[in-house]
Each structure stands twice: as C-alpha cells, then as structure tokens.
PDB file of N, CA and C in Angstrom:
ATOM      1  N   MET A   1       0.848  -1.169   0.000  1.00  0.00           N
ATOM      2  CA  MET A   1       0.000   0.000   0.000  1.00  0.00           C
ATOM      3  C   MET A   1       0.895   1.234   0.000  1.00  0.00           C
ATOM      4  N   ARG A   2       0.546   2.171  -0.854  1.00  0.00           N
ATOM      5  CA  ARG A   2       1.301   3.413  -0.941  1.00  0.00           C
ATOM      6  C   ARG A   2       0.357   4.577  -0.627  1.00  0.00           C
ATOM      7  N   VAL A   3       0.776   5.414   0.321  1.00  0.00           N
ATOM      8  CA  VAL A   3      -0.007   6.577   0.713  1.00  0.00           C
ATOM      9  C   VAL A   3       0.844   7.820   0.505  1.00  0.00           C
ATOM     10  N   MET A   4       0.278   8.795  -0.210  1.00  0.00           N
ATOM     11  CA  MET A   4       0.943  10.057  -0.462  1.00  0.00           C
ATOM     12  C   MET A   4       0.091  11.162   0.135  1.00  0.00           C
ATOM     13  N   VAL A   5       0.738  12.076   0.847  1.00  0.00           N
ATOM     14  CA  VAL A   5       0.059  13.235   1.402  1.00  0.00           C
ATOM     15  C   VAL A   5       0.786  14.472   0.895  1.00  0.00           C
ATOM     16  N   GLU A   6       0.036  15.356   0.253  1.00  0.00           N
ATOM     17  CA  GLU A   6       0.589  16.635  -0.179  1.00  0.00           C
ATOM     18  C   GLU A   6      -0.174  17.720   0.565  1.00  0.00           C
ATOM     19  N   ARG A   7       0.587  18.557   1.269  1.00  0.00           N
ATOM     20  CA  ARG A   7      -0.007  19.655   2.028  1.00  0.00           C
ATOM     21  C   ARG A   7       0.381  20.965   1.360  1.00  0.00           C
ATOM     22  N   SER A   8      -0.600  21.815   1.131  1.00  0.00           N
ATOM     23  CA  SER A   8      -0.322  23.123   0.538  1.00  0.00           C
ATOM     24  C   SER A   8      -1.132  24.173   1.285  1.00  0.00           C
ATOM     25  N   GLY A   9      -0.828  25.426   1.002  1.00  0.00           N
ATOM     26  CA  GLY A   9      -1.527  26.515   1.667  1.00  0.00           C
ATOM     27  C   GLY A   9      -0.838  26.896   2.951  1.00  0.00           C
ATOM     28  N   GLY A  10      -1.621  27.279   3.923  1.00  0.00           N
ATOM     29  CA  GLY A  10      -1.063  27.752   5.175  1.00  0.00           C
ATOM     30  C   GLY A  10      -0.605  29.197   5.039  1.00  0.00           C
ATOM     31  N   PHE A  11      -0.146  29.760   6.108  1.00  0.00           N
ATOM     32  CA  PHE A  11       0.252  31.166   6.121  1.00  0.00           C
ATOM     33  C   PHE A  11       1.392  31.439   5.141  1.00  0.00           C
ATOM     34  N   ALA A  12       2.390  30.566   5.110  1.00  0.00           N
ATOM     35  CA  ALA A  12       3.553  30.785   4.239  1.00  0.00           C
ATOM     36  C   ALA A  12       3.332  30.270   2.817  1.00  0.00           C
ATOM     37  N   GLY A  13       2.312  29.430   2.632  1.00  0.00           N
ATOM     38  CA  GLY A  13       2.026  28.921   1.290  1.00  0.00           C
ATOM     39  C   GLY A  13       3.048  27.921   0.778  1.00  0.00           C
ATOM     40  N   ILE A  14       3.774  27.280   1.666  1.00  0.00           N
ATOM     41  CA  ILE A  14       4.798  26.315   1.275  1.00  0.00           C
ATOM     42  C   ILE A  14       4.174  24.922   1.173  1.00  0.00           C
ATOM     43  N   ALA A  15       4.371  24.286   0.032  1.00  0.00           N
ATOM     44  CA  ALA A  15       3.832  22.942  -0.188  1.00  0.00           C
ATOM     45  C   ALA A  15       4.850  21.897   0.242  1.00  0.00           C
ATOM     46  N   SER A  16       4.351  20.781   0.749  1.00  0.00           N
ATOM     47  CA  SER A  16       5.222  19.649   1.071  1.00  0.00           C
ATOM     48  C   SER A  16       4.500  18.366   0.693  1.00  0.00           C
ATOM     49  N   ARG A  17       5.302  17.353   0.389  1.00  0.00           N
ATOM     50  CA  ARG A  17       4.750  16.070  -0.019  1.00  0.00           C
ATOM     51  C   ARG A  17       5.502  14.960   0.692  1.00  0.00           C
ATOM     52  N   ARG A  18       4.747  13.985   1.187  1.00  0.00           N
ATOM     53  CA  ARG A  18       5.335  12.835   1.862  1.00  0.00           C
ATOM     54  C   ARG A  18       4.691  11.572   1.315  1.00  0.00           C
ATOM     55  N   ASP A  19       5.510  10.548   1.116  1.00  0.00           N
ATOM     56  CA  ASP A  19       5.046   9.245   0.650  1.00  0.00           C
ATOM     57  C   ASP A  19       5.483   8.177   1.634  1.00  0.00           C
ATOM     58  N   VAL A  20       4.604   7.222   1.879  1.00  0.00           N
ATOM     59  CA  VAL A  20       4.953   6.056   2.679  1.00  0.00           C
ATOM     60  C   VAL A  20       4.447   4.832   1.937  1.00  0.00           C
ATOM     61  N   ASP A  21       5.334   3.853   1.791  1.00  0.00           N
ATOM     62  CA  ASP A  21       4.993   2.600   1.127  1.00  0.00           C
ATOM     63  C   ASP A  21       5.083   1.489   2.165  1.00  0.00           C
ATOM     64  N   SER A  22       3.999   0.731   2.333  1.00  0.00           N
ATOM     65  CA  SER A  22       3.987  -0.325   3.351  1.00  0.00           C
ATOM     66  C   SER A  22       5.057  -1.387   3.106  1.00  0.00           C
ATOM     67  N   ALA A  23       5.507  -1.530   1.862  1.00  0.00           N
ATOM     68  CA  ALA A  23       6.553  -2.513   1.560  1.00  0.00           C
ATOM     69  C   ALA A  23       7.878  -2.157   2.230  1.00  0.00           C
ATOM     70  N   SER A  24       8.053  -0.881   2.579  1.00  0.00           N
ATOM     71  CA  SER A  24       9.305  -0.454   3.207  1.00  0.00           C
ATOM     72  C   SER A  24       9.198  -0.401   4.728  1.00  0.00           C
ATOM     73  N   LEU A  25       8.067  -0.816   5.273  1.00  0.00           N
ATOM     74  CA  LEU A  25       7.833  -0.749   6.713  1.00  0.00           C
ATOM     75  C   LEU A  25       7.917  -2.129   7.352  1.00  0.00           C
ATOM     76  N   ASP A  26       8.147  -2.141   8.669  1.00  0.00           N
ATOM     77  CA  ASP A  26       8.074  -3.430   9.362  1.00  0.00           C
ATOM     78  C   ASP A  26       6.603  -3.836   9.468  1.00  0.00           C
ATOM     79  N   ALA A  27       6.353  -5.047   9.889  1.00  0.00           N
ATOM     80  CA  ALA A  27       4.993  -5.598   9.881  1.00  0.00           C
ATOM     81  C   ALA A  27       4.021  -4.785  10.723  1.00  0.00           C
ATOM     82  N   LEU A  28       4.437  -4.324  11.898  1.00  0.00           N
ATOM     83  CA  LEU A  28       3.555  -3.552  12.772  1.00  0.00           C
ATOM     84  C   LEU A  28       3.199  -2.207  12.140  1.00  0.00           C
ATOM     85  N   GLU A  29       4.191  -1.514  11.597  1.00  0.00           N
ATOM     86  CA  GLU A  29       3.932  -0.225  10.958  1.00  0.00           C
ATOM     87  C   GLU A  29       3.071  -0.385   9.711  1.00  0.00           C
ATOM     88  N   ALA A  30       3.321  -1.430   8.935  1.00  0.00           N
ATOM     89  CA  ALA A  30       2.519  -1.684   7.732  1.00  0.00           C
ATOM     90  C   ALA A  30       1.064  -1.944   8.107  1.00  0.00           C
ATOM     91  N   ALA A  31       0.845  -2.709   9.174  1.00  0.00           N
ATOM     92  CA  ALA A  31      -0.522  -2.979   9.627  1.00  0.00           C
ATOM     93  C   ALA A  31      -1.191  -1.706  10.113  1.00  0.00           C
ATOM     94  N   THR A  32      -0.444  -0.850  10.793  1.00  0.00           N
ATOM     95  CA  THR A  32      -0.993   0.431  11.253  1.00  0.00           C
ATOM     96  C   THR A  32      -1.392   1.301  10.073  1.00  0.00           C
ATOM     97  N   LEU A  33      -0.521   1.403   9.078  1.00  0.00           N
ATOM     98  CA  LEU A  33      -0.823   2.187   7.883  1.00  0.00           C
ATOM     99  C   LEU A  33      -2.078   1.663   7.190  1.00  0.00           C
ATOM    100  N   GLU A  34      -2.175   0.367   7.030  1.00  0.00           N
ATOM    101  CA  GLU A  34      -3.336  -0.218   6.362  1.00  0.00           C
ATOM    102  C   GLU A  34      -4.623   0.029   7.146  1.00  0.00           C
ATOM    103  N   ARG A  35      -4.567  -0.061   8.464  1.00  0.00           N
ATOM    104  CA  ARG A  35      -5.756   0.194   9.293  1.00  0.00           C
ATOM    105  C   ARG A  35      -6.177   1.656   9.194  1.00  0.00           C
ATOM    106  N   LEU A  36      -5.217   2.565   9.294  1.00  0.00           N
ATOM    107  CA  LEU A  36      -5.534   3.994   9.202  1.00  0.00           C
ATOM    108  C   LEU A  36      -6.116   4.346   7.835  1.00  0.00           C
ATOM    109  N   ALA A  37      -5.540   3.795   6.774  1.00  0.00           N
ATOM    110  CA  ALA A  37      -6.033   4.069   5.422  1.00  0.00           C
ATOM    111  C   ALA A  37      -7.439   3.507   5.247  1.00  0.00           C
ATOM    112  N   HIS A  38      -7.663   2.295   5.722  1.00  0.00           N
ATOM    113  CA  HIS A  38      -8.995   1.692   5.622  1.00  0.00           C
ATOM    114  C   HIS A  38     -10.021   2.541   6.365  1.00  0.00           C
ATOM    115  N   ASP A  39      -9.686   2.945   7.595  1.00  0.00           N
ATOM    116  CA  ASP A  39     -10.607   3.763   8.388  1.00  0.00           C
ATOM    117  C   ASP A  39     -10.922   5.079   7.675  1.00  0.00           C
ATOM    118  N   ALA A  40      -9.908   5.711   7.099  1.00  0.00           N
ATOM    119  CA  ALA A  40     -10.112   6.989   6.402  1.00  0.00           C
ATOM    120  C   ALA A  40     -11.021   6.813   5.193  1.00  0.00           C
ATOM    121  N   LEU A  41     -10.806   5.770   4.434  1.00  0.00           N
ATOM    122  CA  LEU A  41     -11.592   5.571   3.216  1.00  0.00           C
ATOM    123  C   LEU A  41     -13.066   5.274   3.489  1.00  0.00           C
ATOM    124  N   THR A  42     -13.399   4.899   4.711  1.00  0.00           N
ATOM    125  CA  THR A  42     -14.799   4.618   5.043  1.00  0.00           C
ATOM    126  C   THR A  42     -15.578   5.883   5.408  1.00  0.00           C
ATOM    127  N   VAL A  43     -14.873   7.024   5.493  1.00  0.00           N
ATOM    128  CA  VAL A  43     -15.505   8.277   5.902  1.00  0.00           C
ATOM    129  C   VAL A  43     -15.513   9.254   4.730  1.00  0.00           C
ATOM    130  N   ALA A  44     -16.668   9.805   4.450  1.00  0.00           N
ATOM    131  CA  ALA A  44     -16.781  10.800   3.383  1.00  0.00           C
ATOM    132  C   ALA A  44     -16.071  12.088   3.797  1.00  0.00           C
ATOM    133  N   VAL A  45     -15.513  12.757   2.819  1.00  0.00           N
ATOM    134  CA  VAL A  45     -14.837  14.020   3.060  1.00  0.00           C
ATOM    135  C   VAL A  45     -15.819  15.152   2.747  1.00  0.00           C
ATOM    136  N   PRO A  46     -16.185  15.932   3.766  1.00  0.00           N
ATOM    137  CA  PRO A  46     -17.123  17.030   3.503  1.00  0.00           C
ATOM    138  C   PRO A  46     -16.468  18.122   2.661  1.00  0.00           C
ATOM    139  N   GLN A  47     -17.259  18.733   1.806  1.00  0.00           N
ATOM    140  CA  GLN A  47     -16.777  19.848   1.006  1.00  0.00           C
ATOM    141  C   GLN A  47     -16.833  21.113   1.852  1.00  0.00           C
ATOM    142  N   SER A  48     -15.803  21.941   1.713  1.00  0.00           N
ATOM    143  CA  SER A  48     -15.812  23.220   2.421  1.00  0.00           C
ATOM    144  C   SER A  48     -15.168  24.269   1.531  1.00  0.00           C
ATOM    145  N   PRO A  49     -15.609  25.497   1.648  1.00  0.00           N
ATOM    146  CA  PRO A  49     -15.011  26.548   0.831  1.00  0.00           C
ATOM    147  C   PRO A  49     -13.571  26.797   1.265  1.00  0.00           C
ATOM    148  N   PRO A  50     -12.727  27.237   0.346  1.00  0.00           N
ATOM    149  CA  PRO A  50     -11.335  27.540   0.717  1.00  0.00           C
ATOM    150  C   PRO A  50     -11.298  28.612   1.806  1.00  0.00           C
ATOM    151  N   MET A  51     -10.408  28.437   2.742  1.00  0.00           N
ATOM    152  CA  MET A  51     -10.237  29.397   3.828  1.00  0.00           C
ATOM    153  C   MET A  51      -8.832  29.993   3.729  1.00  0.00           C
ATOM    154  N   PRO A  52      -8.713  31.303   3.887  1.00  0.00           N
ATOM    155  CA  PRO A  52      -7.384  31.912   3.858  1.00  0.00           C
ATOM    156  C   PRO A  52      -6.474  31.296   4.916  1.00  0.00           C
ATOM    157  N   ASP A  53      -5.261  31.022   4.539  1.00  0.00           N
ATOM    158  CA  ASP A  53      -4.223  30.492   5.429  1.00  0.00           C
ATOM    159  C   ASP A  53      -4.498  29.096   5.976  1.00  0.00           C
ATOM    160  N   ALA A  54      -5.500  28.406   5.476  1.00  0.00           N
ATOM    161  CA  ALA A  54      -5.772  27.033   5.909  1.00  0.00           C
ATOM    162  C   ALA A  54      -4.994  26.068   5.023  1.00  0.00           C
ATOM    163  N   TYR A  55      -4.568  24.965   5.598  1.00  0.00           N
ATOM    164  CA  TYR A  55      -3.908  23.930   4.803  1.00  0.00           C
ATOM    165  C   TYR A  55      -4.931  23.184   3.962  1.00  0.00           C
ATOM    166  N   ARG A  56      -4.489  22.769   2.792  1.00  0.00           N
ATOM    167  CA  ARG A  56      -5.268  21.880   1.949  1.00  0.00           C
ATOM    168  C   ARG A  56      -4.453  20.601   1.803  1.00  0.00           C
ATOM    169  N   TYR A  57      -5.122  19.472   1.906  1.00  0.00           N
ATOM    170  CA  TYR A  57      -4.458  18.177   1.806  1.00  0.00           C
ATOM    171  C   TYR A  57      -4.964  17.428   0.581  1.00  0.00           C
ATOM    172  N   ASP A  58      -4.032  16.932  -0.198  1.00  0.00           N
ATOM    173  CA  ASP A  58      -4.332  16.006  -1.286  1.00  0.00           C
ATOM    174  C   ASP A  58      -3.752  14.674  -0.836  1.00  0.00           C
ATOM    175  N   VAL A  59      -4.620  13.691  -0.660  1.00  0.00           N
ATOM    176  CA  VAL A  59      -4.207  12.387  -0.142  1.00  0.00           C
ATOM    177  C   VAL A  59      -4.526  11.328  -1.184  1.00  0.00           C
ATOM    178  N   SER A  60      -3.543  10.484  -1.469  1.00  0.00           N
ATOM    179  CA  SER A  60      -3.727   9.381  -2.408  1.00  0.00           C
ATOM    180  C   SER A  60      -3.400   8.078  -1.690  1.00  0.00           C
ATOM    181  N   ILE A  61      -4.345   7.154  -1.738  1.00  0.00           N
ATOM    182  CA  ILE A  61      -4.148   5.828  -1.158  1.00  0.00           C
ATOM    183  C   ILE A  61      -4.233   4.843  -2.312  1.00  0.00           C
ATOM    184  N   ASP A  62      -3.094   4.328  -2.722  1.00  0.00           N
ATOM    185  CA  ASP A  62      -3.023   3.433  -3.887  1.00  0.00           C
ATOM    186  C   ASP A  62      -3.780   4.002  -5.084  1.00  0.00           C
ATOM    187  N   GLY A  63      -3.609   5.292  -5.324  1.00  0.00           N
ATOM    188  CA  GLY A  63      -4.216   5.941  -6.480  1.00  0.00           C
ATOM    189  C   GLY A  63      -5.625   6.450  -6.249  1.00  0.00           C
ATOM    190  N   ASN A  64      -6.219   6.156  -5.108  1.00  0.00           N
ATOM    191  CA  ASN A  64      -7.562   6.633  -4.763  1.00  0.00           C
ATOM    192  C   ASN A  64      -7.395   7.982  -4.055  1.00  0.00           C
ATOM    193  N   SER A  65      -7.688   9.094  -4.749  1.00  0.00           N
ATOM    194  CA  SER A  65      -7.349  10.428  -4.250  1.00  0.00           C
ATOM    195  C   SER A  65      -8.538  11.178  -3.667  1.00  0.00           C
ATOM    196  N   ARG A  66      -8.226  11.976  -2.650  1.00  0.00           N
ATOM    197  CA  ARG A  66      -9.198  12.873  -2.030  1.00  0.00           C
ATOM    198  C   ARG A  66      -8.491  14.204  -1.763  1.00  0.00           C
ATOM    199  N   THR A  67      -9.250  15.285  -1.837  1.00  0.00           N
ATOM    200  CA  THR A  67      -8.745  16.610  -1.489  1.00  0.00           C
ATOM    201  C   THR A  67      -9.627  17.159  -0.391  1.00  0.00           C
ATOM    202  N   MET A  68      -8.997  17.747   0.631  1.00  0.00           N
ATOM    203  CA  MET A  68      -9.763  18.247   1.757  1.00  0.00           C
ATOM    204  C   MET A  68      -9.053  19.424   2.414  1.00  0.00           C
ATOM    205  N   SER A  69      -9.820  20.214   3.124  1.00  0.00           N
ATOM    206  CA  SER A  69      -9.300  21.361   3.855  1.00  0.00           C
ATOM    207  C   SER A  69      -9.133  20.978   5.318  1.00  0.00           C
ATOM    208  N   GLU A  70      -8.158  21.587   5.966  1.00  0.00           N
ATOM    209  CA  GLU A  70      -7.967  21.296   7.393  1.00  0.00           C
ATOM    210  C   GLU A  70      -9.179  21.721   8.219  1.00  0.00           C
ATOM    211  N   THR A  71      -9.972  22.632   7.700  1.00  0.00           N
ATOM    212  CA  THR A  71     -11.135  23.106   8.451  1.00  0.00           C
ATOM    213  C   THR A  71     -12.276  22.094   8.479  1.00  0.00           C
ATOM    214  N   SER A  72     -12.252  21.114   7.578  1.00  0.00           N
ATOM    215  CA  SER A  72     -13.329  20.120   7.546  1.00  0.00           C
ATOM    216  C   SER A  72     -12.790  18.693   7.590  1.00  0.00           C
ATOM    217  N   LEU A  73     -11.614  18.517   8.143  1.00  0.00           N
ATOM    218  CA  LEU A  73     -10.929  17.233   8.146  1.00  0.00           C
ATOM    219  C   LEU A  73     -11.527  16.274   9.173  1.00  0.00           C
ATOM    220  N   PRO A  74     -12.151  15.170   8.735  1.00  0.00           N
ATOM    221  CA  PRO A  74     -12.649  14.171   9.689  1.00  0.00           C
ATOM    222  C   PRO A  74     -11.489  13.552  10.477  1.00  0.00           C
ATOM    223  N   SER A  75     -11.768  13.116  11.678  1.00  0.00           N
ATOM    224  CA  SER A  75     -10.707  12.587  12.551  1.00  0.00           C
ATOM    225  C   SER A  75      -9.975  11.393  11.938  1.00  0.00           C
ATOM    226  N   GLU A  76     -10.680  10.561  11.183  1.00  0.00           N
ATOM    227  CA  GLU A  76     -10.026   9.399  10.563  1.00  0.00           C
ATOM    228  C   GLU A  76      -8.982   9.842   9.540  1.00  0.00           C
ATOM    229  N   TRP A  77      -9.313  10.865   8.768  1.00  0.00           N
ATOM    230  CA  TRP A  77      -8.348  11.394   7.791  1.00  0.00           C
ATOM    231  C   TRP A  77      -7.205  12.108   8.502  1.00  0.00           C
ATOM    232  N   ARG A  78      -7.525  12.852   9.552  1.00  0.00           N
ATOM    233  CA  ARG A  78      -6.475  13.550  10.313  1.00  0.00           C
ATOM    234  C   ARG A  78      -5.469  12.549  10.880  1.00  0.00           C
ATOM    235  N   SER A  79      -5.959  11.442  11.425  1.00  0.00           N
ATOM    236  CA  SER A  79      -5.066  10.420  11.991  1.00  0.00           C
ATOM    237  C   SER A  79      -4.131   9.861  10.929  1.00  0.00           C
ATOM    238  N   LEU A  80      -4.661   9.555   9.756  1.00  0.00           N
ATOM    239  CA  LEU A  80      -3.833   9.037   8.666  1.00  0.00           C
ATOM    240  C   LEU A  80      -2.806  10.069   8.236  1.00  0.00           C
ATOM    241  N   ILE A  81      -3.240  11.295   8.014  1.00  0.00           N
ATOM    242  CA  ILE A  81      -2.333  12.352   7.561  1.00  0.00           C
ATOM    243  C   ILE A  81      -1.219  12.581   8.570  1.00  0.00           C
ATOM    244  N   GLU A  82      -1.567  12.700   9.841  1.00  0.00           N
ATOM    245  CA  GLU A  82      -0.555  12.920  10.872  1.00  0.00           C
ATOM    246  C   GLU A  82       0.433  11.767  10.938  1.00  0.00           C
ATOM    247  N   TRP A  83      -0.067  10.533  10.803  1.00  0.00           N
ATOM    248  CA  TRP A  83       0.825   9.365  10.863  1.00  0.00           C
ATOM    249  C   TRP A  83       1.794   9.385   9.684  1.00  0.00           C
ATOM    250  N   VAL A  84       1.284   9.635   8.498  1.00  0.00           N
ATOM    251  CA  VAL A  84       2.145   9.651   7.298  1.00  0.00           C
ATOM    252  C   VAL A  84       3.178  10.765   7.418  1.00  0.00           C
ATOM    253  N   LEU A  85       2.750  11.951   7.822  1.00  0.00           N
ATOM    254  CA  LEU A  85       3.698  13.053   7.933  1.00  0.00           C
ATOM    255  C   LEU A  85       4.776  12.752   8.972  1.00  0.00           C
ATOM    256  N   ALA A  86       4.404  12.174  10.092  1.00  0.00           N
ATOM    257  CA  ALA A  86       5.380  11.838  11.136  1.00  0.00           C
ATOM    258  C   ALA A  86       6.300  10.708  10.696  1.00  0.00           C
ATOM    259  N   ARG A  87       5.752   9.690  10.045  1.00  0.00           N
ATOM    260  CA  ARG A  87       6.547   8.522   9.636  1.00  0.00           C
ATOM    261  C   ARG A  87       7.518   8.901   8.517  1.00  0.00           C
ATOM    262  N   ALA A  88       7.078   9.721   7.611  1.00  0.00           N
ATOM    263  CA  ALA A  88       7.924  10.104   6.487  1.00  0.00           C
ATOM    264  C   ALA A  88       9.089  10.973   6.932  1.00  0.00           C
ATOM    265  N   ASP A  89       8.923  11.679   8.052  1.00  0.00           N
ATOM    266  CA  ASP A  89       9.998  12.533   8.554  1.00  0.00           C
ATOM    267  C   ASP A  89      11.033  11.753   9.351  1.00  0.00           C
ATOM    268  N   SER A  90      10.697  10.545   9.762  1.00  0.00           N
ATOM    269  CA  SER A  90      11.625   9.799  10.615  1.00  0.00           C
ATOM    270  C   SER A  90      12.603   8.975   9.800  1.00  0.00           C
TER     271      SER A  90
END
C-alpha cells in the first residue's frame, strides 16, 4: 500500500509532499498504515469553501485520491495524515 500526502496553503504557502509505502515498513507499521487508510476511506470528506491560510491536503491511497481542507478534516483522515507526515519525517 502506498499513501501520499501533499499539504499546501497555510500562512507561508509552502507545499510539502510525503510518501509512505507499506513494503518499506516493518509488519507492525505496515498494519498500522493499512488500518488507518482503511478507516479513512470509510468516511466521506465534507466539502468546504477555501479558507485563507488554511492547509489543503491532497491524499492518495493506492491511487484513490481525495482533497480536503484542514477546516473540515474528519478525525479518521487527520489520523492518517498525521501518521504519514510523522513517519515520512523519521
């Protein structure tokens, strides 16, 4: 499973992109990634108008893409995004 998170917007407008591939993770981390991705995909992403200085997230899970604003981010998506961003930085 491959998960890509691209964050753009924010006060400085700096974009960043992080990718995590379960094939490069140990078994526990791969299982965590798969559970978080599954949980996120079961929740609809509400549409919200663009907000000044808010982050926008483009998330792709094995090619299944969603775009969302931080102002309307469901907790399941937030958990996945935070995990990917933290794991990709380590």
